[in-house]
Amino acid sequence: MQTISSVLAGILLSLHLLTQSGSDPLTGKWTSDDKSRVIEFVKNGNAYDALIREADDKTLVGKKQIAGLTTKDGKSFKNGTLFLIKKGKTAKCSARVLDGRTLELTGSVGFLSKSETWTKL
């Protein structure tokens, strides 16, 4: 009886882990091209937020970098807010998951925009 319980617990744990991995291409940790920052995207209701998990400037760790990204197709995200923490400003933010391991983040203020490529850890 104990063996059956152990096998059943193992199967349930495997199914739980399988449903979590790969189900959402944005959630998880991403690093910048220059490896100076790691952010973690988390689901917040129907939107996504990104928290700084590692940074060259340790005072940034734990702060929210991006808030409110929404999606309809799970690959492109829009309507987010990018927090430019050191400047005390915000910008509009969008993102695209290019191949499951690569993310293009774009911040824009007015007619100016800048994109960066991030890699999933």
C-alpha atoms as a PDB file:
ATOM      1  CA  MET A   1       0.000   0.000   0.000  1.00  0.00           C
ATOM      2  CA  GLN A   2       2.830   2.376   0.857  1.00  0.00           C
ATOM      3  CA  THR A   3       4.492   1.694  -2.520  1.00  0.00           C
ATOM      4  CA  ILE A   4       1.287   2.589  -4.364  1.00  0.00           C
ATOM      5  CA  SER A   5       1.023   5.829  -2.390  1.00  0.00           C
ATOM      6  CA  SER A   6       4.631   6.694  -3.216  1.00  0.00           C
ATOM      7  CA  VAL A   7       4.141   6.004  -6.924  1.00  0.00           C
ATOM      8  CA  LEU A   8       0.916   8.021  -6.977  1.00  0.00           C
ATOM      9  CA  ALA A   9       2.600  10.952  -5.196  1.00  0.00           C
ATOM     10  CA  GLY A  10       5.456  10.821  -7.721  1.00  0.00           C
ATOM     11  CA  ILE A  11       3.066  10.856 -10.672  1.00  0.00           C
ATOM     12  CA  LEU A  12       1.097  13.778  -9.238  1.00  0.00           C
ATOM     13  CA  LEU A  13       4.284  15.758  -8.604  1.00  0.00           C
ATOM     14  CA  SER A  14       5.504  15.067 -12.150  1.00  0.00           C
ATOM     15  CA  LEU A  15       2.196  16.199 -13.639  1.00  0.00           C
ATOM     16  CA  HIS A  16       2.255  19.363 -11.526  1.00  0.00           C
ATOM     17  CA  LEU A  17       5.788  20.240 -12.666  1.00  0.00           C
ATOM     18  CA  LEU A  18       4.968  19.417 -16.287  1.00  0.00           C
ATOM     19  CA  THR A  19       1.941  21.730 -16.337  1.00  0.00           C
ATOM     20  CA  GLN A  20       3.993  24.581 -14.859  1.00  0.00           C
ATOM     21  CA  SER A  21       6.923  24.381 -17.249  1.00  0.00           C
ATOM     22  CA  GLY A  22       6.358  25.626 -20.767  1.00  0.00           C
ATOM     23  CA  SER A  23       2.779  26.706 -20.158  1.00  0.00           C
ATOM     24  CA  ASP A  24       3.617  30.408 -20.066  1.00  0.00           C
ATOM     25  CA  PRO A  25       6.521  31.676 -22.184  1.00  0.00           C
ATOM     26  CA  LEU A  26       6.938  34.989 -20.312  1.00  0.00           C
ATOM     27  CA  THR A  27       7.018  33.902 -16.666  1.00  0.00           C
ATOM     28  CA  GLY A  28      10.397  33.135 -15.197  1.00  0.00           C
ATOM     29  CA  LYS A  29      13.802  34.782 -14.995  1.00  0.00           C
ATOM     30  CA  TRP A  30      15.408  36.685 -17.877  1.00  0.00           C
ATOM     31  CA  THR A  31      18.862  38.266 -18.141  1.00  0.00           C
ATOM     32  CA  SER A  32      19.930  41.280 -20.161  1.00  0.00           C
ATOM     33  CA  ASP A  33      22.439  40.918 -23.015  1.00  0.00           C
ATOM     34  CA  ASP A  34      25.199  42.485 -20.929  1.00  0.00           C
ATOM     35  CA  LYS A  35      24.297  40.238 -17.945  1.00  0.00           C
ATOM     36  CA  SER A  36      23.995  43.293 -15.669  1.00  0.00           C
ATOM     37  CA  ARG A  37      20.427  42.543 -14.607  1.00  0.00           C
ATOM     38  CA  VAL A  38      18.074  39.614 -14.026  1.00  0.00           C
ATOM     39  CA  ILE A  39      14.330  40.229 -13.930  1.00  0.00           C
ATOM     40  CA  GLU A  40      11.596  37.768 -13.089  1.00  0.00           C
ATOM     41  CA  PHE A  41       8.213  38.000 -14.785  1.00  0.00           C
ATOM     42  CA  VAL A  42       5.307  36.952 -12.589  1.00  0.00           C
ATOM     43  CA  LYS A  43       1.612  36.731 -13.360  1.00  0.00           C
ATOM     44  CA  ASN A  44      -0.449  39.370 -11.551  1.00  0.00           C
ATOM     45  CA  GLY A  45      -4.115  38.653 -12.279  1.00  0.00           C
ATOM     46  CA  ASN A  46      -4.510  38.999 -16.061  1.00  0.00           C
ATOM     47  CA  ALA A  47      -1.266  40.958 -16.434  1.00  0.00           C
ATOM     48  CA  TYR A  48       2.458  40.450 -15.919  1.00  0.00           C
ATOM     49  CA  ASP A  49       4.936  42.309 -13.722  1.00  0.00           C
ATOM     50  CA  ALA A  50       8.728  42.043 -13.686  1.00  0.00           C
ATOM     51  CA  LEU A  51      10.769  42.300 -10.502  1.00  0.00           C
ATOM     52  CA  ILE A  52      14.518  42.886 -10.394  1.00  0.00           C
ATOM     53  CA  ARG A  53      16.174  39.789  -8.898  1.00  0.00           C
ATOM     54  CA  GLU A  54      19.840  40.601  -9.596  1.00  0.00           C
ATOM     55  CA  ALA A  55      21.553  43.844 -10.583  1.00  0.00           C
ATOM     56  CA  ASP A  56      24.990  45.431 -10.587  1.00  0.00           C
ATOM     57  CA  ASP A  57      23.416  48.167  -8.433  1.00  0.00           C
ATOM     58  CA  LYS A  58      22.227  46.137  -5.423  1.00  0.00           C
ATOM     59  CA  THR A  59      19.803  48.913  -4.346  1.00  0.00           C
ATOM     60  CA  LEU A  60      17.573  47.936  -7.313  1.00  0.00           C
ATOM     61  CA  VAL A  61      17.074  44.301  -6.250  1.00  0.00           C
ATOM     62  CA  GLY A  62      13.463  43.585  -5.305  1.00  0.00           C
ATOM     63  CA  LYS A  63      12.041  46.630  -7.086  1.00  0.00           C
ATOM     64  CA  LYS A  64       9.386  46.422  -9.760  1.00  0.00           C
ATOM     65  CA  GLN A  65      10.836  47.140 -13.225  1.00  0.00           C
ATOM     66  CA  ILE A  66       7.720  46.498 -15.342  1.00  0.00           C
ATOM     67  CA  ALA A  67       4.011  46.411 -14.500  1.00  0.00           C
ATOM     68  CA  GLY A  68       0.778  45.625 -16.285  1.00  0.00           C
ATOM     69  CA  LEU A  69       1.844  43.865 -19.487  1.00  0.00           C
ATOM     70  CA  THR A  70      -1.158  42.176 -21.108  1.00  0.00           C
ATOM     71  CA  THR A  71      -1.438  39.636 -23.916  1.00  0.00           C
ATOM     72  CA  LYS A  72      -3.976  38.000 -26.177  1.00  0.00           C
ATOM     73  CA  ASP A  73      -1.765  35.432 -27.885  1.00  0.00           C
ATOM     74  CA  GLY A  74       0.909  34.652 -25.254  1.00  0.00           C
ATOM     75  CA  LYS A  75       3.747  35.861 -27.500  1.00  0.00           C
ATOM     76  CA  SER A  76       3.276  39.613 -27.758  1.00  0.00           C
ATOM     77  CA  PHE A  77       2.601  41.814 -24.744  1.00  0.00           C
ATOM     78  CA  LYS A  78       1.545  45.453 -24.543  1.00  0.00           C
ATOM     79  CA  ASN A  79       0.119  48.226 -22.366  1.00  0.00           C
ATOM     80  CA  GLY A  80       2.830  47.836 -19.737  1.00  0.00           C
ATOM     81  CA  THR A  81       4.631  50.468 -17.702  1.00  0.00           C
ATOM     82  CA  LEU A  82       8.428  50.481 -17.526  1.00  0.00           C
ATOM     83  CA  PHE A  83       9.828  52.075 -14.382  1.00  0.00           C
ATOM     84  CA  LEU A  84      13.028  54.027 -15.019  1.00  0.00           C
ATOM     85  CA  ILE A  85      13.933  53.835 -11.358  1.00  0.00           C
ATOM     86  CA  LYS A  86      17.141  55.883 -11.314  1.00  0.00           C
ATOM     87  CA  LYS A  87      15.526  58.681 -13.362  1.00  0.00           C
ATOM     88  CA  GLY A  88      12.274  58.620 -11.401  1.00  0.00           C
ATOM     89  CA  LYS A  89      10.262  58.342 -14.637  1.00  0.00           C
ATOM     90  CA  THR A  90       8.045  55.860 -16.436  1.00  0.00           C
ATOM     91  CA  ALA A  91       7.723  54.773 -20.051  1.00  0.00           C
ATOM     92  CA  LYS A  92       5.305  52.656 -22.046  1.00  0.00           C
ATOM     93  CA  CYS A  93       6.434  49.064 -22.375  1.00  0.00           C
ATOM     94  CA  SER A  94       5.794  46.205 -24.779  1.00  0.00           C
ATOM     95  CA  ALA A  95       7.453  42.827 -25.268  1.00  0.00           C
ATOM     96  CA  ARG A  96       7.648  39.958 -27.735  1.00  0.00           C
ATOM     97  CA  VAL A  97       8.756  36.404 -27.055  1.00  0.00           C
ATOM     98  CA  LEU A  98      10.769  35.613 -30.178  1.00  0.00           C
ATOM     99  CA  ASP A  99      11.668  31.928 -29.845  1.00  0.00           C
ATOM    100  CA  GLY A 100      10.842  30.835 -26.306  1.00  0.00           C
ATOM    101  CA  ARG A 101      14.346  31.691 -25.050  1.00  0.00           C
ATOM    102  CA  THR A 102      14.624  35.259 -26.409  1.00  0.00           C
ATOM    103  CA  LEU A 103      12.571  38.275 -25.370  1.00  0.00           C
ATOM    104  CA  GLU A 104      12.516  41.681 -27.037  1.00  0.00           C
ATOM    105  CA  LEU A 105      11.546  44.436 -24.567  1.00  0.00           C
ATOM    106  CA  THR A 106      10.690  47.880 -25.906  1.00  0.00           C
ATOM    107  CA  GLY A 107      10.299  51.050 -23.875  1.00  0.00           C
ATOM    108  CA  SER A 108       8.905  54.219 -25.442  1.00  0.00           C
ATOM    109  CA  VAL A 109       8.333  57.814 -24.455  1.00  0.00           C
ATOM    110  CA  GLY A 110       6.547  59.880 -27.090  1.00  0.00           C
ATOM    111  CA  PHE A 111       8.189  59.185 -30.452  1.00  0.00           C
ATOM    112  CA  LEU A 112      11.372  57.773 -28.940  1.00  0.00           C
ATOM    113  CA  SER A 113      11.748  54.065 -28.295  1.00  0.00           C
ATOM    114  CA  LYS A 114      14.506  51.643 -27.363  1.00  0.00           C
ATOM    115  CA  SER A 115      14.518  47.863 -27.576  1.00  0.00           C
ATOM    116  CA  GLU A 116      16.669  45.352 -25.717  1.00  0.00           C
ATOM    117  CA  THR A 117      17.048  41.603 -26.115  1.00  0.00           C
ATOM    118  CA  TRP A 118      16.842  39.400 -22.999  1.00  0.00           C
ATOM    119  CA  THR A 119      17.561  35.684 -22.625  1.00  0.00           C
ATOM    120  CA  LYS A 120      15.589  33.242 -20.482  1.00  0.00           C
ATOM    121  CA  LEU A 121      17.513  31.601 -17.660  1.00  0.00           C
END
